[in-house]
Amino acid sequence: MTIRRLNINEIVPFDYEFDGPIGGQMTDVGRNIGSANIGLNIQTVPPGNFSSRRHRHLFQEEILVVMSGTGLLHHGKERLPVGPGDAVCYLAADPDAHRSRTLARCH
């Protein structure tokens, strides 16, 4: 079987946005490297923006790793501050919808 190898710096990021302050820039590593079952995205979200609409997953997990900046996770009615090095796992079939909002970037 051929090994799939890709330098993420070779992937062209794209801008995305939805209604309201939702959006930023995304680099889709999973699809570009040929993954069939694992999604891996790198998102850069400007301060004040949400990373996505409120959503939940029926069949997959989502792991969020904060590389820089600070944010606020919205999970159901909970609000959790996060910063560099924090990792969060949303499990499949979690009944509470989630999304995150960027508060500030680290320099």
PDB file of N, CA and C in Angstrom:
ATOM      1  N   MET A   1       0.849  -1.176   0.000  1.00  0.00           N
ATOM      2  CA  MET A   1       0.000   0.000   0.000  1.00  0.00           C
ATOM      3  C   MET A   1       0.894   1.238   0.000  1.00  0.00           C
ATOM      4  N   THR A   2       0.498   2.227  -0.765  1.00  0.00           N
ATOM      5  CA  THR A   2       1.265   3.457  -0.856  1.00  0.00           C
ATOM      6  C   THR A   2       1.058   4.320   0.383  1.00  0.00           C
ATOM      7  N   ILE A   3       2.148   4.840   0.908  1.00  0.00           N
ATOM      8  CA  ILE A   3       2.069   5.758   2.044  1.00  0.00           C
ATOM      9  C   ILE A   3       1.645   7.126   1.525  1.00  0.00           C
ATOM     10  N   ARG A   4       0.720   7.727   2.199  1.00  0.00           N
ATOM     11  CA  ARG A   4       0.267   9.065   1.827  1.00  0.00           C
ATOM     12  C   ARG A   4       1.007  10.067   2.698  1.00  0.00           C
ATOM     13  N   ARG A   5       1.728  10.959   2.060  1.00  0.00           N
ATOM     14  CA  ARG A   5       2.527  11.948   2.774  1.00  0.00           C
ATOM     15  C   ARG A   5       2.309  13.298   2.121  1.00  0.00           C
ATOM     16  N   LEU A   6       2.136  14.322   2.949  1.00  0.00           N
ATOM     17  CA  LEU A   6       1.882  15.657   2.438  1.00  0.00           C
ATOM     18  C   LEU A   6       2.364  16.672   3.467  1.00  0.00           C
ATOM     19  N   ASN A   7       3.029  17.706   3.021  1.00  0.00           N
ATOM     20  CA  ASN A   7       3.407  18.804   3.903  1.00  0.00           C
ATOM     21  C   ASN A   7       2.229  19.774   3.948  1.00  0.00           C
ATOM     22  N   ILE A   8       1.731  20.077   5.133  1.00  0.00           N
ATOM     23  CA  ILE A   8       0.535  20.908   5.235  1.00  0.00           C
ATOM     24  C   ILE A   8       0.760  22.314   4.683  1.00  0.00           C
ATOM     25  N   ASN A   9       1.995  22.745   4.589  1.00  0.00           N
ATOM     26  CA  ASN A   9       2.269  24.062   4.006  1.00  0.00           C
ATOM     27  C   ASN A   9       1.986  24.100   2.505  1.00  0.00           C
ATOM     28  N   GLU A  10       1.823  22.937   1.879  1.00  0.00           N
ATOM     29  CA  GLU A  10       1.516  22.865   0.452  1.00  0.00           C
ATOM     30  C   GLU A  10       0.011  22.945   0.170  1.00  0.00           C
ATOM     31  N   ILE A  11      -0.813  22.852   1.209  1.00  0.00           N
ATOM     32  CA  ILE A  11      -2.262  22.897   1.037  1.00  0.00           C
ATOM     33  C   ILE A  11      -2.716  24.353   1.035  1.00  0.00           C
ATOM     34  N   VAL A  12      -3.481  24.711   0.038  1.00  0.00           N
ATOM     35  CA  VAL A  12      -3.986  26.082  -0.061  1.00  0.00           C
ATOM     36  C   VAL A  12      -5.214  26.227   0.833  1.00  0.00           C
ATOM     37  N   PRO A  13      -5.136  27.111   1.839  1.00  0.00           N
ATOM     38  CA  PRO A  13      -6.304  27.340   2.685  1.00  0.00           C
ATOM     39  C   PRO A  13      -7.379  28.106   1.921  1.00  0.00           C
ATOM     40  N   PHE A  14      -8.621  28.001   2.394  1.00  0.00           N
ATOM     41  CA  PHE A  14      -9.708  28.737   1.759  1.00  0.00           C
ATOM     42  C   PHE A  14     -10.522  29.476   2.824  1.00  0.00           C
ATOM     43  N   ASP A  15     -11.088  30.597   2.416  1.00  0.00           N
ATOM     44  CA  ASP A  15     -11.946  31.378   3.305  1.00  0.00           C
ATOM     45  C   ASP A  15     -13.341  30.767   3.330  1.00  0.00           C
ATOM     46  N   TYR A  16     -14.007  30.852   4.474  1.00  0.00           N
ATOM     47  CA  TYR A  16     -15.388  30.392   4.582  1.00  0.00           C
ATOM     48  C   TYR A  16     -16.148  31.344   5.491  1.00  0.00           C
ATOM     49  N   GLU A  17     -17.452  31.448   5.271  1.00  0.00           N
ATOM     50  CA  GLU A  17     -18.292  32.253   6.154  1.00  0.00           C
ATOM     51  C   GLU A  17     -19.745  31.817   6.030  1.00  0.00           C
ATOM     52  N   PHE A  18     -20.484  32.045   7.101  1.00  0.00           N
ATOM     53  CA  PHE A  18     -21.917  31.798   7.154  1.00  0.00           C
ATOM     54  C   PHE A  18     -22.566  33.073   7.673  1.00  0.00           C
ATOM     55  N   ASP A  19     -23.890  33.086   7.785  1.00  0.00           N
ATOM     56  CA  ASP A  19     -24.594  34.248   8.314  1.00  0.00           C
ATOM     57  C   ASP A  19     -24.051  34.624   9.687  1.00  0.00           C
ATOM     58  N   GLY A  20     -24.003  35.907   9.956  1.00  0.00           N
ATOM     59  CA  GLY A  20     -23.508  36.381  11.241  1.00  0.00           C
ATOM     60  C   GLY A  20     -21.999  36.324  11.287  1.00  0.00           C
ATOM     61  N   PRO A  21     -21.435  36.495  12.460  1.00  0.00           N
ATOM     62  CA  PRO A  21     -19.969  36.474  12.562  1.00  0.00           C
ATOM     63  C   PRO A  21     -19.430  35.046  12.631  1.00  0.00           C
ATOM     64  N   ILE A  22     -19.663  34.267  11.586  1.00  0.00           N
ATOM     65  CA  ILE A  22     -19.199  32.880  11.537  1.00  0.00           C
ATOM     66  C   ILE A  22     -18.257  32.759  10.349  1.00  0.00           C
ATOM     67  N   GLY A  23     -17.022  32.356  10.612  1.00  0.00           N
ATOM     68  CA  GLY A  23     -16.119  32.140   9.497  1.00  0.00           C
ATOM     69  C   GLY A  23     -14.683  32.428   9.834  1.00  0.00           C
ATOM     70  N   GLY A  24     -13.858  32.177   8.844  1.00  0.00           N
ATOM     71  CA  GLY A  24     -12.431  32.359   8.984  1.00  0.00           C
ATOM     72  C   GLY A  24     -11.742  31.743   7.788  1.00  0.00           C
ATOM     73  N   GLN A  25     -10.658  31.037   8.062  1.00  0.00           N
ATOM     74  CA  GLN A  25      -9.903  30.372   7.003  1.00  0.00           C
ATOM     75  C   GLN A  25      -9.688  28.920   7.412  1.00  0.00           C
ATOM     76  N   MET A  26      -9.800  28.009   6.450  1.00  0.00           N
ATOM     77  CA  MET A  26      -9.689  26.589   6.740  1.00  0.00           C
ATOM     78  C   MET A  26      -8.707  25.911   5.792  1.00  0.00           C
ATOM     79  N   THR A  27      -7.944  24.990   6.338  1.00  0.00           N
ATOM     80  CA  THR A  27      -7.063  24.130   5.561  1.00  0.00           C
ATOM     81  C   THR A  27      -7.538  22.702   5.781  1.00  0.00           C
ATOM     82  N   ASP A  28      -7.991  22.046   4.727  1.00  0.00           N
ATOM     83  CA  ASP A  28      -8.555  20.704   4.826  1.00  0.00           C
ATOM     84  C   ASP A  28      -7.459  19.666   4.595  1.00  0.00           C
ATOM     85  N   VAL A  29      -6.821  19.241   5.674  1.00  0.00           N
ATOM     86  CA  VAL A  29      -5.721  18.284   5.593  1.00  0.00           C
ATOM     87  C   VAL A  29      -6.239  16.893   5.248  1.00  0.00           C
ATOM     88  N   GLY A  30      -7.320  16.454   5.891  1.00  0.00           N
ATOM     89  CA  GLY A  30      -7.847  15.105   5.698  1.00  0.00           C
ATOM     90  C   GLY A  30      -8.133  14.767   4.246  1.00  0.00           C
ATOM     91  N   ARG A  31      -8.895  15.601   3.589  1.00  0.00           N
ATOM     92  CA  ARG A  31      -9.244  15.329   2.189  1.00  0.00           C
ATOM     93  C   ARG A  31      -8.024  15.427   1.282  1.00  0.00           C
ATOM     94  N   ASN A  32      -7.159  16.407   1.541  1.00  0.00           N
ATOM     95  CA  ASN A  32      -5.985  16.594   0.680  1.00  0.00           C
ATOM     96  C   ASN A  32      -4.976  15.461   0.776  1.00  0.00           C
ATOM     97  N   ILE A  33      -4.936  14.784   1.916  1.00  0.00           N
ATOM     98  CA  ILE A  33      -3.998  13.664   2.049  1.00  0.00           C
ATOM     99  C   ILE A  33      -4.648  12.341   1.636  1.00  0.00           C
ATOM    100  N   GLY A  34      -5.964  12.368   1.370  1.00  0.00           N
ATOM    101  CA  GLY A  34      -6.650  11.186   0.885  1.00  0.00           C
ATOM    102  C   GLY A  34      -7.305  10.334   1.945  1.00  0.00           C
ATOM    103  N   SER A  35      -7.548  10.901   3.132  1.00  0.00           N
ATOM    104  CA  SER A  35      -8.200  10.139   4.196  1.00  0.00           C
ATOM    105  C   SER A  35      -9.648   9.837   3.823  1.00  0.00           C
ATOM    106  N   ALA A  36     -10.070   8.601   4.067  1.00  0.00           N
ATOM    107  CA  ALA A  36     -11.435   8.191   3.773  1.00  0.00           C
ATOM    108  C   ALA A  36     -12.341   8.271   5.005  1.00  0.00           C
ATOM    109  N   ASN A  37     -11.752   8.216   6.218  1.00  0.00           N
ATOM    110  CA  ASN A  37     -12.571   8.127   7.423  1.00  0.00           C
ATOM    111  C   ASN A  37     -12.299   9.178   8.485  1.00  0.00           C
ATOM    112  N   ILE A  38     -11.197   9.912   8.352  1.00  0.00           N
ATOM    113  CA  ILE A  38     -10.834  10.888   9.379  1.00  0.00           C
ATOM    114  C   ILE A  38     -10.776  12.277   8.757  1.00  0.00           C
ATOM    115  N   GLY A  39     -11.520  13.204   9.321  1.00  0.00           N
ATOM    116  CA  GLY A  39     -11.451  14.588   8.882  1.00  0.00           C
ATOM    117  C   GLY A  39     -10.465  15.331   9.754  1.00  0.00           C
ATOM    118  N   LEU A  40      -9.604  16.110   9.151  1.00  0.00           N
ATOM    119  CA  LEU A  40      -8.655  16.934   9.898  1.00  0.00           C
ATOM    120  C   LEU A  40      -8.591  18.292   9.226  1.00  0.00           C
ATOM    121  N   ASN A  41      -9.022  19.310   9.940  1.00  0.00           N
ATOM    122  CA  ASN A  41      -9.022  20.675   9.424  1.00  0.00           C
ATOM    123  C   ASN A  41      -8.227  21.577  10.344  1.00  0.00           C
ATOM    124  N   ILE A  42      -7.558  22.550   9.756  1.00  0.00           N
ATOM    125  CA  ILE A  42      -6.898  23.602  10.508  1.00  0.00           C
ATOM    126  C   ILE A  42      -7.698  24.869  10.236  1.00  0.00           C
ATOM    127  N   GLN A  43      -8.215  25.482  11.307  1.00  0.00           N
ATOM    128  CA  GLN A  43      -9.010  26.690  11.154  1.00  0.00           C
ATOM    129  C   GLN A  43      -8.322  27.872  11.824  1.00  0.00           C
ATOM    130  N   THR A  44      -8.361  29.006  11.154  1.00  0.00           N
ATOM    131  CA  THR A  44      -7.922  30.271  11.724  1.00  0.00           C
ATOM    132  C   THR A  44      -9.158  31.160  11.755  1.00  0.00           C
ATOM    133  N   VAL A  45      -9.547  31.546  12.963  1.00  0.00           N
ATOM    134  CA  VAL A  45     -10.794  32.282  13.142  1.00  0.00           C
ATOM    135  C   VAL A  45     -10.481  33.652  13.750  1.00  0.00           C
ATOM    136  N   PRO A  46     -10.894  34.740  13.067  1.00  0.00           N
ATOM    137  CA  PRO A  46     -10.617  36.084  13.589  1.00  0.00           C
ATOM    138  C   PRO A  46     -11.307  36.327  14.924  1.00  0.00           C
ATOM    139  N   PRO A  47     -10.729  37.199  15.770  1.00  0.00           N
ATOM    140  CA  PRO A  47     -11.363  37.541  17.045  1.00  0.00           C
ATOM    141  C   PRO A  47     -12.799  38.025  16.835  1.00  0.00           C
ATOM    142  N   GLY A  48     -13.700  37.515  17.667  1.00  0.00           N
ATOM    143  CA  GLY A  48     -15.107  37.880  17.599  1.00  0.00           C
ATOM    144  C   GLY A  48     -15.939  36.944  16.745  1.00  0.00           C
ATOM    145  N   ASN A  49     -15.301  36.144  15.906  1.00  0.00           N
ATOM    146  CA  ASN A  49     -16.035  35.218  15.042  1.00  0.00           C
ATOM    147  C   ASN A  49     -16.230  33.865  15.710  1.00  0.00           C
ATOM    148  N   PHE A  50     -17.300  33.183  15.308  1.00  0.00           N
ATOM    149  CA  PHE A  50     -17.512  31.783  15.670  1.00  0.00           C
ATOM    150  C   PHE A  50     -16.841  30.926  14.603  1.00  0.00           C
ATOM    151  N   SER A  51     -16.392  29.749  14.978  1.00  0.00           N
ATOM    152  CA  SER A  51     -15.736  28.831  14.036  1.00  0.00           C
ATOM    153  C   SER A  51     -16.747  28.119  13.139  1.00  0.00           C
ATOM    154  N   SER A  52     -17.985  27.991  13.615  1.00  0.00           N
ATOM    155  CA  SER A  52     -19.012  27.260  12.860  1.00  0.00           C
ATOM    156  C   SER A  52     -20.380  27.603  13.418  1.00  0.00           C
ATOM    157  N   ARG A  53     -21.404  27.096  12.752  1.00  0.00           N
ATOM    158  CA  ARG A  53     -22.754  27.147  13.318  1.00  0.00           C
ATOM    159  C   ARG A  53     -22.817  26.153  14.466  1.00  0.00           C
ATOM    160  N   ARG A  54     -23.809  26.300  15.334  1.00  0.00           N
ATOM    161  CA  ARG A  54     -24.008  25.294  16.394  1.00  0.00           C
ATOM    162  C   ARG A  54     -24.329  23.978  15.703  1.00  0.00           C
ATOM    163  N   HIS A  55     -23.671  22.921  16.116  1.00  0.00           N
ATOM    164  CA  HIS A  55     -23.881  21.627  15.477  1.00  0.00           C
ATOM    165  C   HIS A  55     -23.553  20.506  16.449  1.00  0.00           C
ATOM    166  N   ARG A  56     -23.924  19.314  16.078  1.00  0.00           N
ATOM    167  CA  ARG A  56     -23.557  18.111  16.837  1.00  0.00           C
ATOM    168  C   ARG A  56     -23.302  16.995  15.842  1.00  0.00           C
ATOM    169  N   HIS A  57     -22.707  15.933  16.322  1.00  0.00           N
ATOM    170  CA  HIS A  57     -22.314  14.828  15.456  1.00  0.00           C
ATOM    171  C   HIS A  57     -23.049  13.560  15.868  1.00  0.00           C
ATOM    172  N   LEU A  58     -23.589  12.850  14.897  1.00  0.00           N
ATOM    173  CA  LEU A  58     -24.286  11.611  15.188  1.00  0.00           C
ATOM    174  C   LEU A  58     -23.359  10.400  15.173  1.00  0.00           C
ATOM    175  N   PHE A  59     -22.355  10.416  14.278  1.00  0.00           N
ATOM    176  CA  PHE A  59     -21.543   9.221  14.088  1.00  0.00           C
ATOM    177  C   PHE A  59     -20.044   9.424  14.258  1.00  0.00           C
ATOM    178  N   GLN A  60     -19.596  10.644  14.442  1.00  0.00           N
ATOM    179  CA  GLN A  60     -18.156  10.867  14.531  1.00  0.00           C
ATOM    180  C   GLN A  60     -17.825  11.720  15.745  1.00  0.00           C
ATOM    181  N   GLU A  61     -16.587  11.644  16.155  1.00  0.00           N
ATOM    182  CA  GLU A  61     -16.099  12.499  17.225  1.00  0.00           C
ATOM    183  C   GLU A  61     -15.415  13.712  16.609  1.00  0.00           C
ATOM    184  N   GLU A  62     -15.300  14.763  17.391  1.00  0.00           N
ATOM    185  CA  GLU A  62     -14.560  15.951  16.961  1.00  0.00           C
ATOM    186  C   GLU A  62     -13.584  16.303  18.067  1.00  0.00           C
ATOM    187  N   ILE A  63     -12.341  16.504  17.712  1.00  0.00           N
ATOM    188  CA  ILE A  63     -11.329  16.934  18.670  1.00  0.00           C
ATOM    189  C   ILE A  63     -10.867  18.326  18.256  1.00  0.00           C
ATOM    190  N   LEU A  64     -10.918  19.244  19.188  1.00  0.00           N
ATOM    191  CA  LEU A  64     -10.491  20.615  18.969  1.00  0.00           C
ATOM    192  C   LEU A  64      -9.214  20.840  19.765  1.00  0.00           C
ATOM    193  N   VAL A  65      -8.173  21.338  19.107  1.00  0.00           N
ATOM    194  CA  VAL A  65      -6.916  21.681  19.775  1.00  0.00           C
ATOM    195  C   VAL A  65      -6.662  23.159  19.506  1.00  0.00           C
ATOM    196  N   VAL A  66      -6.534  23.943  20.563  1.00  0.00           N
ATOM    197  CA  VAL A  66      -6.259  25.374  20.425  1.00  0.00           C
ATOM    198  C   VAL A  66      -4.744  25.551  20.334  1.00  0.00           C
ATOM    199  N   MET A  67      -4.294  26.083  19.201  1.00  0.00           N
ATOM    200  CA  MET A  67      -2.855  26.279  18.980  1.00  0.00           C
ATOM    201  C   MET A  67      -2.394  27.657  19.455  1.00  0.00           C
ATOM    202  N   SER A  68      -3.232  28.680  19.260  1.00  0.00           N
ATOM    203  CA  SER A  68      -2.902  30.026  19.725  1.00  0.00           C
ATOM    204  C   SER A  68      -4.189  30.810  19.907  1.00  0.00           C
ATOM    205  N   GLY A  69      -4.091  31.898  20.617  1.00  0.00           N
ATOM    206  CA  GLY A  69      -5.262  32.734  20.877  1.00  0.00           C
ATOM    207  C   GLY A  69      -6.079  32.196  22.035  1.00  0.00           C
ATOM    208  N   THR A  70      -7.181  32.861  22.305  1.00  0.00           N
ATOM    209  CA  THR A  70      -8.096  32.425  23.356  1.00  0.00           C
ATOM    210  C   THR A  70      -9.497  32.366  22.772  1.00  0.00           C
ATOM    211  N   GLY A  71     -10.329  31.557  23.401  1.00  0.00           N
ATOM    212  CA  GLY A  71     -11.682  31.399  22.894  1.00  0.00           C
ATOM    213  C   GLY A  71     -12.638  30.981  23.979  1.00  0.00           C
ATOM    214  N   LEU A  72     -13.865  30.833  23.562  1.00  0.00           N
ATOM    215  CA  LEU A  72     -14.923  30.408  24.463  1.00  0.00           C
ATOM    216  C   LEU A  72     -15.711  29.311  23.758  1.00  0.00           C
ATOM    217  N   LEU A  73     -15.705  28.110  24.341  1.00  0.00           N
ATOM    218  CA  LEU A  73     -16.472  27.006  23.777  1.00  0.00           C
ATOM    219  C   LEU A  73     -17.907  27.105  24.262  1.00  0.00           C
ATOM    220  N   HIS A  74     -18.820  26.933  23.349  1.00  0.00           N
ATOM    221  CA  HIS A  74     -20.247  26.895  23.658  1.00  0.00           C
ATOM    222  C   HIS A  74     -20.677  25.432  23.485  1.00  0.00           C
ATOM    223  N   HIS A  75     -20.984  24.769  24.584  1.00  0.00           N
ATOM    224  CA  HIS A  75     -21.411  23.365  24.551  1.00  0.00           C
ATOM    225  C   HIS A  75     -22.703  23.272  25.328  1.00  0.00           C
ATOM    226  N   GLY A  76     -23.822  23.144  24.598  1.00  0.00           N
ATOM    227  CA  GLY A  76     -25.117  23.201  25.269  1.00  0.00           C
ATOM    228  C   GLY A  76     -25.253  24.551  25.942  1.00  0.00           C
ATOM    229  N   LYS A  77     -25.524  24.570  27.243  1.00  0.00           N
ATOM    230  CA  LYS A  77     -25.628  25.828  27.995  1.00  0.00           C
ATOM    231  C   LYS A  77     -24.309  26.215  28.647  1.00  0.00           C
ATOM    232  N   GLU A  78     -23.311  25.343  28.570  1.00  0.00           N
ATOM    233  CA  GLU A  78     -22.005  25.616  29.172  1.00  0.00           C
ATOM    234  C   GLU A  78     -21.174  26.557  28.317  1.00  0.00           C
ATOM    235  N   ARG A  79     -20.330  27.354  28.972  1.00  0.00           N
ATOM    236  CA  ARG A  79     -19.353  28.212  28.310  1.00  0.00           C
ATOM    237  C   ARG A  79     -18.014  27.930  28.980  1.00  0.00           C
ATOM    238  N   LEU A  80     -17.010  27.533  28.193  1.00  0.00           N
ATOM    239  CA  LEU A  80     -15.727  27.125  28.736  1.00  0.00           C
ATOM    240  C   LEU A  80     -14.610  27.912  28.075  1.00  0.00           C
ATOM    241  N   PRO A  81     -13.852  28.713  28.840  1.00  0.00           N
ATOM    242  CA  PRO A  81     -12.727  29.434  28.246  1.00  0.00           C
ATOM    243  C   PRO A  81     -11.615  28.455  27.875  1.00  0.00           C
ATOM    244  N   VAL A  82     -10.963  28.703  26.733  1.00  0.00           N
ATOM    245  CA  VAL A  82      -9.860  27.863  26.275  1.00  0.00           C
ATOM    246  C   VAL A  82      -8.725  28.739  25.769  1.00  0.00           C
ATOM    247  N   GLY A  83      -7.524  28.157  25.768  1.00  0.00           N
ATOM    248  CA  GLY A  83      -6.344  28.864  25.286  1.00  0.00           C
ATOM    249  C   GLY A  83      -5.331  27.877  24.741  1.00  0.00           C
ATOM    250  N   PRO A  84      -4.145  28.361  24.387  1.00  0.00           N
ATOM    251  CA  PRO A  84      -3.121  27.522  23.762  1.00  0.00           C
ATOM    252  C   PRO A  84      -2.836  26.237  24.549  1.00  0.00           C
ATOM    253  N   GLY A  85      -2.868  25.124  23.836  1.00  0.00           N
ATOM    254  CA  GLY A  85      -2.601  23.826  24.436  1.00  0.00           C
ATOM    255  C   GLY A  85      -3.835  23.088  24.913  1.00  0.00           C
ATOM    256  N   ASP A  86      -4.963  23.766  25.007  1.00  0.00           N
ATOM    257  CA  ASP A  86      -6.191  23.091  25.439  1.00  0.00           C
ATOM    258  C   ASP A  86      -6.723  22.194  24.325  1.00  0.00           C
ATOM    259  N   ALA A  87      -7.200  21.022  24.702  1.00  0.00           N
ATOM    260  CA  ALA A  87      -7.812  20.074  23.761  1.00  0.00           C
ATOM    261  C   ALA A  87      -9.172  19.671  24.322  1.00  0.00           C
ATOM    262  N   VAL A  88     -10.147  19.568  23.432  1.00  0.00           N
ATOM    263  CA  VAL A  88     -11.510  19.209  23.821  1.00  0.00           C
ATOM    264  C   VAL A  88     -12.006  18.140  22.861  1.00  0.00           C
ATOM    265  N   CYS A  89     -12.706  17.137  23.387  1.00  0.00           N
ATOM    266  CA  CYS A  89     -13.268  16.081  22.548  1.00  0.00           C
ATOM    267  C   CYS A  89     -14.784  16.092  22.691  1.00  0.00           C
ATOM    268  N   TYR A  90     -15.460  16.251  21.548  1.00  0.00           N
ATOM    269  CA  TYR A  90     -16.909  16.112  21.495  1.00  0.00           C
ATOM    270  C   TYR A  90     -17.201  14.699  21.015  1.00  0.00           C
ATOM    271  N   LEU A  91     -17.960  13.936  21.769  1.00  0.00           N
ATOM    272  CA  LEU A  91     -18.243  12.549  21.423  1.00  0.00           C
ATOM    273  C   LEU A  91     -19.411  12.444  20.454  1.00  0.00           C
ATOM    274  N   ALA A  92     -19.415  11.371  19.689  1.00  0.00           N
ATOM    275  CA  ALA A  92     -20.542  11.100  18.790  1.00  0.00           C
ATOM    276  C   ALA A  92     -21.804  10.922  19.626  1.00  0.00           C
ATOM    277  N   ALA A  93     -22.920  11.357  19.082  1.00  0.00           N
ATOM    278  CA  ALA A  93     -24.228  11.236  19.720  1.00  0.00           C
ATOM    279  C   ALA A  93     -24.385  12.097  20.970  1.00  0.00           C
ATOM    280  N   ASP A  94     -23.462  13.041  21.222  1.00  0.00           N
ATOM    281  CA  ASP A  94     -23.640  13.999  22.320  1.00  0.00           C
ATOM    282  C   ASP A  94     -24.899  14.809  22.000  1.00  0.00           C
ATOM    283  N   PRO A  95     -25.877  14.856  22.891  1.00  0.00           N
ATOM    284  CA  PRO A  95     -27.126  15.553  22.571  1.00  0.00           C
ATOM    285  C   PRO A  95     -26.991  17.077  22.535  1.00  0.00           C
ATOM    286  N   ASP A  96     -25.914  17.618  23.113  1.00  0.00           N
ATOM    287  CA  ASP A  96     -25.739  19.067  23.151  1.00  0.00           C
ATOM    288  C   ASP A  96     -24.964  19.573  21.941  1.00  0.00           C
ATOM    289  N   ALA A  97     -25.509  20.595  21.280  1.00  0.00           N
ATOM    290  CA  ALA A  97     -24.816  21.218  20.150  1.00  0.00           C
ATOM    291  C   ALA A  97     -23.639  22.040  20.673  1.00  0.00           C
ATOM    292  N   HIS A  98     -22.671  22.287  19.801  1.00  0.00           N
ATOM    293  CA  HIS A  98     -21.486  23.027  20.207  1.00  0.00           C
ATOM    294  C   HIS A  98     -20.964  23.914  19.072  1.00  0.00           C
ATOM    295  N   ARG A  99     -20.117  24.856  19.441  1.00  0.00           N
ATOM    296  CA  ARG A  99     -19.341  25.690  18.542  1.00  0.00           C
ATOM    297  C   ARG A  99     -18.372  26.480  19.404  1.00  0.00           C
ATOM    298  N   SER A 100     -17.450  27.183  18.791  1.00  0.00           N
ATOM    299  CA  SER A 100     -16.490  27.968  19.561  1.00  0.00           C
ATOM    300  C   SER A 100     -16.386  29.372  18.986  1.00  0.00           C
ATOM    301  N   ARG A 101     -15.977  30.297  19.835  1.00  0.00           N
ATOM    302  CA  ARG A 101     -15.803  31.696  19.432  1.00  0.00           C
ATOM    303  C   ARG A 101     -14.416  32.157  19.838  1.00  0.00           C
ATOM    304  N   THR A 102     -13.729  32.806  18.922  1.00  0.00           N
ATOM    305  CA  THR A 102     -12.397  33.324  19.194  1.00  0.00           C
ATOM    306  C   THR A 102     -12.528  34.648  19.922  1.00  0.00           C
ATOM    307  N   LEU A 103     -11.763  34.796  21.001  1.00  0.00           N
ATOM    308  CA  LEU A 103     -11.783  36.036  21.755  1.00  0.00           C
ATOM    309  C   LEU A 103     -10.592  36.918  21.397  1.00  0.00           C
ATOM    310  N   ALA A 104      -9.401  36.326  21.294  1.00  0.00           N
ATOM    311  CA  ALA A 104      -8.200  37.110  20.980  1.00  0.00           C
ATOM    312  C   ALA A 104      -7.134  36.191  20.394  1.00  0.00           C
ATOM    313  N   ARG A 105      -6.292  36.764  19.586  1.00  0.00           N
ATOM    314  CA  ARG A 105      -5.162  36.011  19.019  1.00  0.00           C
ATOM    315  C   ARG A 105      -3.926  36.245  19.863  1.00  0.00           C
ATOM    316  N   CYS A 106      -3.075  35.246  19.943  1.00  0.00           N
ATOM    317  CA  CYS A 106      -1.774  35.417  20.589  1.00  0.00           C
ATOM    318  C   CYS A 106      -0.800  35.920  19.535  1.00  0.00           C
ATOM    319  N   HIS A 107       0.143  36.714  19.936  1.00  0.00           N
ATOM    320  CA  HIS A 107       1.140  37.222  18.998  1.00  0.00           C
ATOM    321  C   HIS A 107       2.488  36.599  19.290  1.00  0.00           C
TER     322      HIS A 107
END
